[in-house]
Amino acid sequence: MSKQYLTTHTIDNAHITDIFSLAVTPHQIISASGSSDIKIYSTSEPDFPIAQTLTAAHKLGVHHLAASKDGHHFASAGFAGDVKLWRLEEAQWVKNGDIVDGNKAGEIWAIALSAEGQYLAATSVDGRINVWDNVGGCKKIREFETKGSFGMAIDLSVDGRYTASGHENGGVYVFNNDTGRLLHSLPGLIKAVRAVAFSPAGKLLAAAGDARVIALYDVAAGEQVANLSGHGAWIFSLDWSDTGEFLLSGAYDGKAKVWSIDRRECVATHTETDKTVWSVKWLPKTGRNEGFATAGANRGISFYREATGG
């Protein structure tokens, strides 16, 4: 049975350049682009009004955002190699520090935050996976070894046990954060991996990219358990629903898809634009029906809500 989602709102020209990343907190959605500003919109009101603009946050623009599960922290990674930490203070976002690792372009690429915001993990162009403790001076505490290929994607499991990374050479790695060792080198994708995402319970890992399929892995066993096929273009973004029942994906051809994990099939496809969808995110749930947002090369943010009875 398919699901139906209706476009409920669109913020046209939210940024003056491509929107490369979205992040979601319990009451807000954060957007960043090739321009220097970061924008925060309220998800508690139907027209998603702007709540705050972080002006000139990054000189050369932002390619990745990551928000903590508790909604009190987010991080932004800029094209100049700069990473900034932000915290929520009296309903306003304020700068909370910088991650410094040479501050060269590409030195830090994809980023992920732990559930409470204490730890930040990041990839680099030469394949390193680094972890910082954001409390007490933003100190680097770990460097995971990989095979040297550009790290294009990263995620931390909600329970903090695992770090996963996706690489340009098709490699997908899972690291044990307690031991600091490689747990699995996962098979199945031989082309660039642009998105990785742990399920909410941490039992499954989704990975996707230029192969145009989404690979699902059993994290404990390190085995591929499914391929989700249906995208006709490179996949840039993945996001799990809070229950883990559904997976959201966005692709180069402007299509966003919703996948049923139980049925291993696509249950909804939406095309707001024929331009690249760089980022997709489930929205905080309000009421019975879920919703999601998409953003990308059309410079707008589109919001979808499940149709009543869907």
C-alpha atoms as a PDB file:
ATOM      1  CA  MET A   1       0.000   0.000   0.000  1.00  0.00           C
ATOM      2  CA  SER A   2       1.419   3.366  -1.009  1.00  0.00           C
ATOM      3  CA  LYS A   3       1.414   6.476   1.151  1.00  0.00           C
ATOM      4  CA  GLN A   4       0.396   9.922   0.010  1.00  0.00           C
ATOM      5  CA  TYR A   5       2.101  13.148   1.045  1.00  0.00           C
ATOM      6  CA  LEU A   6       0.823  16.596   0.143  1.00  0.00           C
ATOM      7  CA  THR A   7       2.924  19.717  -0.312  1.00  0.00           C
ATOM      8  CA  THR A   8       1.837  21.951   2.560  1.00  0.00           C
ATOM      9  CA  HIS A   9       4.258  24.857   2.182  1.00  0.00           C
ATOM     10  CA  THR A  10       7.243  26.018   0.160  1.00  0.00           C
ATOM     11  CA  ILE A  11       9.778  28.658   1.132  1.00  0.00           C
ATOM     12  CA  ASP A  12      10.923  30.015  -2.217  1.00  0.00           C
ATOM     13  CA  ASN A  13      14.400  31.514  -2.447  1.00  0.00           C
ATOM     14  CA  ALA A  14      15.194  30.558   1.132  1.00  0.00           C
ATOM     15  CA  HIS A  15      18.857  31.087   0.219  1.00  0.00           C
ATOM     16  CA  ILE A  16      20.532  32.811  -2.719  1.00  0.00           C
ATOM     17  CA  THR A  17      22.467  29.669  -3.689  1.00  0.00           C
ATOM     18  CA  ASP A  18      21.966  25.885  -3.536  1.00  0.00           C
ATOM     19  CA  ILE A  19      20.804  24.644  -0.134  1.00  0.00           C
ATOM     20  CA  PHE A  20      23.248  21.871   0.692  1.00  0.00           C
ATOM     21  CA  SER A  21      22.081  20.772   4.127  1.00  0.00           C
ATOM     22  CA  LEU A  22      19.117  20.681   6.493  1.00  0.00           C
ATOM     23  CA  ALA A  23      19.090  19.824  10.193  1.00  0.00           C
ATOM     24  CA  VAL A  24      16.068  19.285  12.419  1.00  0.00           C
ATOM     25  CA  THR A  25      15.459  19.900  16.134  1.00  0.00           C
ATOM     26  CA  PRO A  26      12.218  19.203  18.040  1.00  0.00           C
ATOM     27  CA  HIS A  27      10.824  22.652  17.123  1.00  0.00           C
ATOM     28  CA  GLN A  28      12.927  23.978  14.242  1.00  0.00           C
ATOM     29  CA  ILE A  29      14.506  23.249  10.888  1.00  0.00           C
ATOM     30  CA  ILE A  30      17.925  24.713  10.076  1.00  0.00           C
ATOM     31  CA  SER A  31      19.152  25.345   6.530  1.00  0.00           C
ATOM     32  CA  ALA A  32      22.560  26.175   5.077  1.00  0.00           C
ATOM     33  CA  SER A  33      23.858  26.885   1.603  1.00  0.00           C
ATOM     34  CA  GLY A  34      26.729  28.180  -0.475  1.00  0.00           C
ATOM     35  CA  SER A  35      26.010  31.609   0.992  1.00  0.00           C
ATOM     36  CA  SER A  36      27.361  32.682   4.364  1.00  0.00           C
ATOM     37  CA  ASP A  37      24.093  32.791   6.353  1.00  0.00           C
ATOM     38  CA  ILE A  38      22.461  29.950   8.294  1.00  0.00           C
ATOM     39  CA  LYS A  39      18.676  30.203   8.666  1.00  0.00           C
ATOM     40  CA  ILE A  40      16.407  28.711  11.315  1.00  0.00           C
ATOM     41  CA  TYR A  41      12.667  28.222  10.775  1.00  0.00           C
ATOM     42  CA  SER A  42       9.999  27.302  13.303  1.00  0.00           C
ATOM     43  CA  THR A  43       8.230  23.978  12.661  1.00  0.00           C
ATOM     44  CA  SER A  44       5.623  24.686  15.350  1.00  0.00           C
ATOM     45  CA  GLU A  45       3.589  26.945  13.028  1.00  0.00           C
ATOM     46  CA  PRO A  46       2.051  25.916   9.688  1.00  0.00           C
ATOM     47  CA  ASP A  47       3.784  28.588   7.595  1.00  0.00           C
ATOM     48  CA  PHE A  48       7.251  27.797   9.027  1.00  0.00           C
ATOM     49  CA  PRO A  49       8.216  31.401   9.868  1.00  0.00           C
ATOM     50  CA  ILE A  50      11.877  32.317  10.152  1.00  0.00           C
ATOM     51  CA  ALA A  51      12.965  32.339  13.785  1.00  0.00           C
ATOM     52  CA  GLN A  52      16.585  33.427  13.466  1.00  0.00           C
ATOM     53  CA  THR A  53      19.317  34.141  10.925  1.00  0.00           C
ATOM     54  CA  LEU A  54      22.958  33.530  11.793  1.00  0.00           C
ATOM     55  CA  THR A  55      24.435  36.219   9.552  1.00  0.00           C
ATOM     56  CA  ALA A  56      27.851  35.630   7.991  1.00  0.00           C
ATOM     57  CA  ALA A  57      28.248  32.400   9.937  1.00  0.00           C
ATOM     58  CA  HIS A  58      30.763  31.029   7.409  1.00  0.00           C
ATOM     59  CA  LYS A  59      32.689  33.210   4.988  1.00  0.00           C
ATOM     60  CA  LEU A  60      32.581  30.760   2.053  1.00  0.00           C
ATOM     61  CA  GLY A  61      29.248  29.065   2.777  1.00  0.00           C
ATOM     62  CA  VAL A  62      28.238  25.789   4.418  1.00  0.00           C
ATOM     63  CA  HIS A  63      28.149  22.264   3.012  1.00  0.00           C
ATOM     64  CA  HIS A  64      27.046  20.221   6.067  1.00  0.00           C
ATOM     65  CA  LEU A  65      24.909  20.687   9.178  1.00  0.00           C
ATOM     66  CA  ALA A  66      24.428  18.274  12.067  1.00  0.00           C
ATOM     67  CA  ALA A  67      22.048  18.626  15.011  1.00  0.00           C
ATOM     68  CA  SER A  68      22.048  16.742  18.300  1.00  0.00           C
ATOM     69  CA  LYS A  69      19.081  14.541  19.098  1.00  0.00           C
ATOM     70  CA  ASP A  70      18.297  16.570  22.227  1.00  0.00           C
ATOM     71  CA  GLY A  71      17.834  19.696  20.081  1.00  0.00           C
ATOM     72  CA  HIS A  72      20.189  21.873  22.117  1.00  0.00           C
ATOM     73  CA  HIS A  73      23.226  21.792  19.817  1.00  0.00           C
ATOM     74  CA  PHE A  74      24.124  21.916  16.159  1.00  0.00           C
ATOM     75  CA  ALA A  75      27.324  22.157  14.136  1.00  0.00           C
ATOM     76  CA  SER A  76      28.070  23.689  10.743  1.00  0.00           C
ATOM     77  CA  ALA A  77      30.946  22.861   8.380  1.00  0.00           C
ATOM     78  CA  GLY A  78      32.065  25.477   5.869  1.00  0.00           C
ATOM     79  CA  PHE A  79      33.799  25.333   2.515  1.00  0.00           C
ATOM     80  CA  ALA A  80      36.832  27.091   4.023  1.00  0.00           C
ATOM     81  CA  GLY A  81      37.434  24.124   6.331  1.00  0.00           C
ATOM     82  CA  ASP A  82      35.937  25.868   9.347  1.00  0.00           C
ATOM     83  CA  VAL A  83      33.524  24.115  11.723  1.00  0.00           C
ATOM     84  CA  LYS A  84      31.421  26.041  14.225  1.00  0.00           C
ATOM     85  CA  LEU A  85      29.465  24.757  17.197  1.00  0.00           C
ATOM     86  CA  TRP A  86      26.172  26.337  18.247  1.00  0.00           C
ATOM     87  CA  ARG A  87      24.000  25.957  21.343  1.00  0.00           C
ATOM     88  CA  LEU A  88      20.428  26.965  22.156  1.00  0.00           C
ATOM     89  CA  GLU A  89      20.340  29.612  24.859  1.00  0.00           C
ATOM     90  CA  GLU A  90      17.058  31.259  25.895  1.00  0.00           C
ATOM     91  CA  ALA A  91      15.417  30.269  22.579  1.00  0.00           C
ATOM     92  CA  GLN A  92      18.271  31.752  20.517  1.00  0.00           C
ATOM     93  CA  TRP A  93      21.226  30.041  18.891  1.00  0.00           C
ATOM     94  CA  VAL A  94      24.634  31.333  19.990  1.00  0.00           C
ATOM     95  CA  LYS A  95      28.121  30.308  18.960  1.00  0.00           C
ATOM     96  CA  ASN A  96      29.614  27.721  21.310  1.00  0.00           C
ATOM     97  CA  GLY A  97      33.091  27.118  19.898  1.00  0.00           C
ATOM     98  CA  ASP A  98      35.150  26.114  16.879  1.00  0.00           C
ATOM     99  CA  ILE A  99      36.614  22.826  15.726  1.00  0.00           C
ATOM    100  CA  VAL A 100      40.128  23.437  14.423  1.00  0.00           C
ATOM    101  CA  ASP A 101      41.998  20.880  12.319  1.00  0.00           C
ATOM    102  CA  GLY A 102      44.215  22.917  10.045  1.00  0.00           C
ATOM    103  CA  ASN A 103      41.192  24.869   8.788  1.00  0.00           C
ATOM    104  CA  LYS A 104      41.986  23.977   5.194  1.00  0.00           C
ATOM    105  CA  ALA A 105      39.274  23.374   2.644  1.00  0.00           C
ATOM    106  CA  GLY A 106      38.306  19.688   2.712  1.00  0.00           C
ATOM    107  CA  GLU A 107      40.166  19.017   5.960  1.00  0.00           C
ATOM    108  CA  ILE A 108      36.751  18.515   7.524  1.00  0.00           C
ATOM    109  CA  TRP A 109      33.894  17.451   5.235  1.00  0.00           C
ATOM    110  CA  ALA A 110      30.870  15.493   6.478  1.00  0.00           C
ATOM    111  CA  ILE A 111      29.981  15.883  10.168  1.00  0.00           C
ATOM    112  CA  ALA A 112      27.798  14.163  12.773  1.00  0.00           C
ATOM    113  CA  LEU A 113      26.920  15.014  16.388  1.00  0.00           C
ATOM    114  CA  SER A 114      26.251  12.635  19.247  1.00  0.00           C
ATOM    115  CA  ALA A 115      22.753  12.581  20.750  1.00  0.00           C
ATOM    116  CA  GLU A 116      23.584  15.058  23.507  1.00  0.00           C
ATOM    117  CA  GLY A 117      25.987  17.128  21.388  1.00  0.00           C
ATOM    118  CA  GLN A 118      29.173  16.320  23.304  1.00  0.00           C
ATOM    119  CA  TYR A 119      31.003  14.577  20.478  1.00  0.00           C
ATOM    120  CA  LEU A 120      31.509  15.579  16.857  1.00  0.00           C
ATOM    121  CA  ALA A 121      32.760  13.131  14.232  1.00  0.00           C
ATOM    122  CA  ALA A 122      34.021  14.292  10.848  1.00  0.00           C
ATOM    123  CA  THR A 123      35.451  12.928   7.616  1.00  0.00           C
ATOM    124  CA  SER A 124      38.273  14.381   5.529  1.00  0.00           C
ATOM    125  CA  VAL A 125      39.304  14.379   1.875  1.00  0.00           C
ATOM    126  CA  ASP A 126      42.103  11.898   2.626  1.00  0.00           C
ATOM    127  CA  GLY A 127      39.852   9.404   4.390  1.00  0.00           C
ATOM    128  CA  ARG A 128      40.547  10.152   8.046  1.00  0.00           C
ATOM    129  CA  ILE A 129      37.695   9.942  10.546  1.00  0.00           C
ATOM    130  CA  ASN A 130      38.278  12.266  13.508  1.00  0.00           C
ATOM    131  CA  VAL A 131      36.295  12.694  16.729  1.00  0.00           C
ATOM    132  CA  TRP A 132      36.303  15.733  19.036  1.00  0.00           C
ATOM    133  CA  ASP A 133      35.031  16.190  22.578  1.00  0.00           C
ATOM    134  CA  ASN A 134      33.152  19.488  22.444  1.00  0.00           C
ATOM    135  CA  VAL A 135      33.183  19.933  26.224  1.00  0.00           C
ATOM    136  CA  GLY A 136      36.198  21.671  27.694  1.00  0.00           C
ATOM    137  CA  GLY A 137      38.031  23.000  24.679  1.00  0.00           C
ATOM    138  CA  CYS A 138      36.971  20.978  21.617  1.00  0.00           C
ATOM    139  CA  LYS A 139      39.838  18.490  21.882  1.00  0.00           C
ATOM    140  CA  LYS A 140      40.417  15.776  19.303  1.00  0.00           C
ATOM    141  CA  ILE A 141      40.136  12.458  21.116  1.00  0.00           C
ATOM    142  CA  ARG A 142      40.251   9.879  18.338  1.00  0.00           C
ATOM    143  CA  GLU A 143      41.329   9.240  14.768  1.00  0.00           C
ATOM    144  CA  PHE A 144      39.967   6.173  12.985  1.00  0.00           C
ATOM    145  CA  GLU A 145      42.041   4.526  10.289  1.00  0.00           C
ATOM    146  CA  THR A 146      40.501   3.976   6.844  1.00  0.00           C
ATOM    147  CA  LYS A 147      41.919   3.159   3.427  1.00  0.00           C
ATOM    148  CA  GLY A 148      42.488   6.773   2.485  1.00  0.00           C
ATOM    149  CA  SER A 149      39.522   7.469   0.203  1.00  0.00           C
ATOM    150  CA  PHE A 150      37.594  10.754   0.496  1.00  0.00           C
ATOM    151  CA  GLY A 151      35.060  10.459   3.310  1.00  0.00           C
ATOM    152  CA  MET A 152      31.806  11.775   1.834  1.00  0.00           C
ATOM    153  CA  ALA A 153      29.367  10.832   4.614  1.00  0.00           C
ATOM    154  CA  ILE A 154      29.307  10.046   8.334  1.00  0.00           C
ATOM    155  CA  ASP A 155      26.821   9.179  11.072  1.00  0.00           C
ATOM    156  CA  LEU A 156      26.851   8.337  14.783  1.00  0.00           C
ATOM    157  CA  SER A 157      24.417   5.818  16.236  1.00  0.00           C
ATOM    158  CA  VAL A 158      21.952   7.312  18.726  1.00  0.00           C
ATOM    159  CA  ASP A 159      23.304   5.139  21.551  1.00  0.00           C
ATOM    160  CA  GLY A 160      26.821   6.401  20.840  1.00  0.00           C
ATOM    161  CA  ARG A 161      28.297   2.952  20.260  1.00  0.00           C
ATOM    162  CA  TYR A 162      29.123   3.199  16.554  1.00  0.00           C
ATOM    163  CA  THR A 163      30.479   5.557  13.901  1.00  0.00           C
ATOM    164  CA  ALA A 164      29.780   4.818  10.218  1.00  0.00           C
ATOM    165  CA  SER A 165      31.439   6.445   7.219  1.00  0.00           C
ATOM    166  CA  GLY A 166      30.894   6.324   3.452  1.00  0.00           C
ATOM    167  CA  HIS A 167      33.703   6.941   0.967  1.00  0.00           C
ATOM    168  CA  GLU A 168      34.347   7.936  -2.621  1.00  0.00           C
ATOM    169  CA  ASN A 169      35.740   4.483  -3.446  1.00  0.00           C
ATOM    170  CA  GLY A 170      32.477   2.806  -2.382  1.00  0.00           C
ATOM    171  CA  GLY A 171      33.779   1.811   1.038  1.00  0.00           C
ATOM    172  CA  VAL A 172      31.415   1.727   4.021  1.00  0.00           C
ATOM    173  CA  TYR A 173      33.030   1.339   7.430  1.00  0.00           C
ATOM    174  CA  VAL A 174      31.596   0.853  10.909  1.00  0.00           C
ATOM    175  CA  PHE A 175      33.777   1.629  13.929  1.00  0.00           C
ATOM    176  CA  ASN A 176      33.288   0.638  17.563  1.00  0.00           C
ATOM    177  CA  ASN A 177      33.523   3.851  19.564  1.00  0.00           C
ATOM    178  CA  ASP A 178      34.362   2.031  22.807  1.00  0.00           C
ATOM    179  CA  THR A 179      37.413   0.243  21.439  1.00  0.00           C
ATOM    180  CA  GLY A 180      38.343   2.732  18.705  1.00  0.00           C
ATOM    181  CA  ARG A 181      38.666  -0.129  16.241  1.00  0.00           C
ATOM    182  CA  LEU A 182      37.148  -0.980  12.879  1.00  0.00           C
ATOM    183  CA  LEU A 183      34.180  -3.269  13.426  1.00  0.00           C
ATOM    184  CA  HIS A 184      33.081  -3.902   9.825  1.00  0.00           C
ATOM    185  CA  SER A 185      34.131  -3.075   6.289  1.00  0.00           C
ATOM    186  CA  LEU A 186      30.807  -3.511   4.545  1.00  0.00           C
ATOM    187  CA  PRO A 187      30.308  -4.986   1.063  1.00  0.00           C
ATOM    188  CA  GLY A 188      27.864  -4.143  -1.675  1.00  0.00           C
ATOM    189  CA  LEU A 189      28.534  -0.632  -2.977  1.00  0.00           C
ATOM    190  CA  ILE A 190      31.351  -0.158  -5.472  1.00  0.00           C
ATOM    191  CA  LYS A 191      30.624   3.482  -6.351  1.00  0.00           C
ATOM    192  CA  ALA A 192      30.898   6.652  -4.289  1.00  0.00           C
ATOM    193  CA  VAL A 193      28.852   6.591  -1.069  1.00  0.00           C
ATOM    194  CA  ARG A 194      27.318  10.007  -0.372  1.00  0.00           C
ATOM    195  CA  ALA A 195      25.013   9.231   2.571  1.00  0.00           C
ATOM    196  CA  VAL A 196      25.027   6.874   5.558  1.00  0.00           C
ATOM    197  CA  ALA A 197      22.429   6.741   8.331  1.00  0.00           C
ATOM    198  CA  PHE A 198      21.859   4.509  11.369  1.00  0.00           C
ATOM    199  CA  SER A 199      18.307   3.467  12.198  1.00  0.00           C
ATOM    200  CA  PRO A 200      16.988   4.925  15.490  1.00  0.00           C
ATOM    201  CA  ALA A 201      17.629   1.671  17.357  1.00  0.00           C
ATOM    202  CA  GLY A 202      21.055   1.303  15.768  1.00  0.00           C
ATOM    203  CA  LYS A 203      20.316  -2.151  14.361  1.00  0.00           C
ATOM    204  CA  LEU A 204      20.422  -1.170  10.689  1.00  0.00           C
ATOM    205  CA  LEU A 205      22.667   1.088   8.634  1.00  0.00           C
ATOM    206  CA  ALA A 206      21.540   2.571   5.322  1.00  0.00           C
ATOM    207  CA  ALA A 207      24.109   3.664   2.723  1.00  0.00           C
ATOM    208  CA  ALA A 208      23.634   5.148  -0.740  1.00  0.00           C
ATOM    209  CA  GLY A 209      25.265   7.203  -3.456  1.00  0.00           C
ATOM    210  CA  ASP A 210      26.296   6.874  -7.072  1.00  0.00           C
ATOM    211  CA  ALA A 211      25.166   3.236  -7.331  1.00  0.00           C
ATOM    212  CA  ARG A 212      21.560   4.568  -7.210  1.00  0.00           C
ATOM    213  CA  VAL A 213      20.477   1.924  -4.718  1.00  0.00           C
ATOM    214  CA  ILE A 214      20.178   2.047  -0.942  1.00  0.00           C
ATOM    215  CA  ALA A 215      22.017  -0.770   0.805  1.00  0.00           C
ATOM    216  CA  LEU A 216      20.729  -1.899   4.204  1.00  0.00           C
ATOM    217  CA  TYR A 217      23.152  -3.583   6.589  1.00  0.00           C
ATOM    218  CA  ASP A 218      22.730  -5.451   9.854  1.00  0.00           C
ATOM    219  CA  VAL A 219      25.125  -3.518  12.098  1.00  0.00           C
ATOM    220  CA  ALA A 220      25.855  -6.308  14.587  1.00  0.00           C
ATOM    221  CA  ALA A 221      26.499  -8.960  11.936  1.00  0.00           C
ATOM    222  CA  GLY A 222      28.099  -6.685   9.346  1.00  0.00           C
ATOM    223  CA  GLU A 223      25.978  -8.243   6.611  1.00  0.00           C
ATOM    224  CA  GLN A 224      23.976  -6.652   3.806  1.00  0.00           C
ATOM    225  CA  VAL A 225      20.323  -7.576   4.292  1.00  0.00           C
ATOM    226  CA  ALA A 226      18.582  -5.645   1.485  1.00  0.00           C
ATOM    227  CA  ASN A 227      18.919  -3.396  -1.548  1.00  0.00           C
ATOM    228  CA  LEU A 228      16.270  -0.714  -2.060  1.00  0.00           C
ATOM    229  CA  SER A 229      16.070  -0.029  -5.795  1.00  0.00           C
ATOM    230  CA  GLY A 230      14.083   2.658  -7.605  1.00  0.00           C
ATOM    231  CA  HIS A 231      16.139   5.825  -7.805  1.00  0.00           C
ATOM    232  CA  GLY A 232      17.345   6.687 -11.286  1.00  0.00           C
ATOM    233  CA  ALA A 233      20.076   9.090 -10.172  1.00  0.00           C
ATOM    234  CA  TRP A 234      22.772   9.571  -7.568  1.00  0.00           C
ATOM    235  CA  ILE A 235      21.410   9.579  -4.007  1.00  0.00           C
ATOM    236  CA  PHE A 236      22.643  12.434  -1.819  1.00  0.00           C
ATOM    237  CA  SER A 237      20.667  12.240   1.415  1.00  0.00           C
ATOM    238  CA  LEU A 238      19.076   9.679   3.752  1.00  0.00           C
ATOM    239  CA  ASP A 239      17.012  10.109   6.922  1.00  0.00           C
ATOM    240  CA  TRP A 240      15.153   7.594   9.118  1.00  0.00           C
ATOM    241  CA  SER A 241      11.742   8.266  10.626  1.00  0.00           C
ATOM    242  CA  ASP A 242      11.668   8.343  14.432  1.00  0.00           C
ATOM    243  CA  THR A 243      10.126   4.869  14.617  1.00  0.00           C
ATOM    244  CA  GLY A 244      12.524   3.351  12.090  1.00  0.00           C
ATOM    245  CA  GLU A 245       9.585   2.180   9.960  1.00  0.00           C
ATOM    246  CA  PHE A 246      10.425   4.427   7.026  1.00  0.00           C
ATOM    247  CA  LEU A 247      13.512   5.768   5.284  1.00  0.00           C
ATOM    248  CA  LEU A 248      13.571   9.024   3.319  1.00  0.00           C
ATOM    249  CA  SER A 249      15.946   9.617   0.404  1.00  0.00           C
ATOM    250  CA  GLY A 250      16.762  12.491  -1.942  1.00  0.00           C
ATOM    251  CA  ALA A 251      18.518  12.354  -5.318  1.00  0.00           C
ATOM    252  CA  TYR A 252      20.234  14.255  -8.117  1.00  0.00           C
ATOM    253  CA  ASP A 253      17.135  14.169 -10.348  1.00  0.00           C
ATOM    254  CA  GLY A 254      14.990  16.090  -7.859  1.00  0.00           C
ATOM    255  CA  LYS A 255      13.088  13.067  -6.564  1.00  0.00           C
ATOM    256  CA  ALA A 256      12.461  12.292  -2.899  1.00  0.00           C
ATOM    257  CA  LYS A 257      11.313   8.800  -1.965  1.00  0.00           C
ATOM    258  CA  VAL A 258       9.821   7.209   1.141  1.00  0.00           C
ATOM    259  CA  TRP A 259      10.694   3.555   1.736  1.00  0.00           C
ATOM    260  CA  SER A 260       8.946   0.987   3.937  1.00  0.00           C
ATOM    261  CA  ILE A 261      11.621  -0.954   5.788  1.00  0.00           C
ATOM    262  CA  ASP A 262       9.311  -3.889   6.583  1.00  0.00           C
ATOM    263  CA  ARG A 263       8.250  -4.263   2.960  1.00  0.00           C
ATOM    264  CA  ARG A 264      11.618  -3.270   1.463  1.00  0.00           C
ATOM    265  CA  GLU A 265       9.924  -1.081  -1.144  1.00  0.00           C
ATOM    266  CA  CYS A 266       9.227   2.523  -2.087  1.00  0.00           C
ATOM    267  CA  VAL A 267       5.802   3.688  -0.887  1.00  0.00           C
ATOM    268  CA  ALA A 268       5.906   7.323  -2.079  1.00  0.00           C
ATOM    269  CA  THR A 269       7.796   9.410  -4.646  1.00  0.00           C
ATOM    270  CA  HIS A 270       7.679  13.192  -4.860  1.00  0.00           C
ATOM    271  CA  THR A 271       9.218  15.628  -7.330  1.00  0.00           C
ATOM    272  CA  GLU A 272       9.010  19.299  -6.379  1.00  0.00           C
ATOM    273  CA  THR A 273      11.707  20.194  -8.899  1.00  0.00           C
ATOM    274  CA  ASP A 274      13.905  18.581 -11.527  1.00  0.00           C
ATOM    275  CA  LYS A 275      16.946  20.088  -9.814  1.00  0.00           C
ATOM    276  CA  THR A 276      19.161  18.240  -7.353  1.00  0.00           C
ATOM    277  CA  VAL A 277      17.756  17.449  -3.912  1.00  0.00           C
ATOM    278  CA  TRP A 278      20.792  17.837  -1.669  1.00  0.00           C
ATOM    279  CA  SER A 279      19.083  17.201   1.663  1.00  0.00           C
ATOM    280  CA  VAL A 280      15.942  15.539   3.043  1.00  0.00           C
ATOM    281  CA  LYS A 281      14.739  15.439   6.650  1.00  0.00           C
ATOM    282  CA  TRP A 282      11.735  14.097   8.520  1.00  0.00           C
ATOM    283  CA  LEU A 283       9.999  16.869  10.453  1.00  0.00           C
ATOM    284  CA  PRO A 284       9.190  16.789  14.172  1.00  0.00           C
ATOM    285  CA  LYS A 285       5.918  14.925  14.454  1.00  0.00           C
ATOM    286  CA  THR A 286       2.879  17.063  15.222  1.00  0.00           C
ATOM    287  CA  GLY A 287      -0.294  15.069  15.638  1.00  0.00           C
ATOM    288  CA  ARG A 288      -0.848  11.737  13.931  1.00  0.00           C
ATOM    289  CA  ASN A 289       0.571  12.343  10.472  1.00  0.00           C
ATOM    290  CA  GLU A 290       4.273  12.608   9.714  1.00  0.00           C
ATOM    291  CA  GLY A 291       5.937  15.060   7.377  1.00  0.00           C
ATOM    292  CA  PHE A 292       9.270  15.797   5.767  1.00  0.00           C
ATOM    293  CA  ALA A 293      11.225  18.597   4.118  1.00  0.00           C
ATOM    294  CA  THR A 294      13.439  18.714   1.030  1.00  0.00           C
ATOM    295  CA  ALA A 295      15.945  21.301  -0.189  1.00  0.00           C
ATOM    296  CA  GLY A 296      18.532  21.628  -2.904  1.00  0.00           C
ATOM    297  CA  ALA A 297      19.526  23.341  -6.100  1.00  0.00           C
ATOM    298  CA  ASN A 298      16.204  25.163  -6.541  1.00  0.00           C
ATOM    299  CA  ARG A 299      17.160  27.232  -3.452  1.00  0.00           C
ATOM    300  CA  GLY A 300      13.814  26.606  -1.764  1.00  0.00           C
ATOM    301  CA  ILE A 301      12.588  24.381   1.059  1.00  0.00           C
ATOM    302  CA  SER A 302       9.501  22.243   0.398  1.00  0.00           C
ATOM    303  CA  PHE A 303       7.405  20.783   3.191  1.00  0.00           C
ATOM    304  CA  TYR A 304       5.241  17.669   2.883  1.00  0.00           C
ATOM    305  CA  ARG A 305       2.675  16.202   5.236  1.00  0.00           C
ATOM    306  CA  GLU A 306       1.087  12.765   5.075  1.00  0.00           C
ATOM    307  CA  ALA A 307      -2.450  12.956   3.717  1.00  0.00           C
ATOM    308  CA  THR A 308      -5.177  12.351   6.291  1.00  0.00           C
ATOM    309  CA  GLY A 309      -5.972   8.679   6.395  1.00  0.00           C
ATOM    310  CA  GLY A 310      -2.813   7.883   4.415  1.00  0.00           C
END
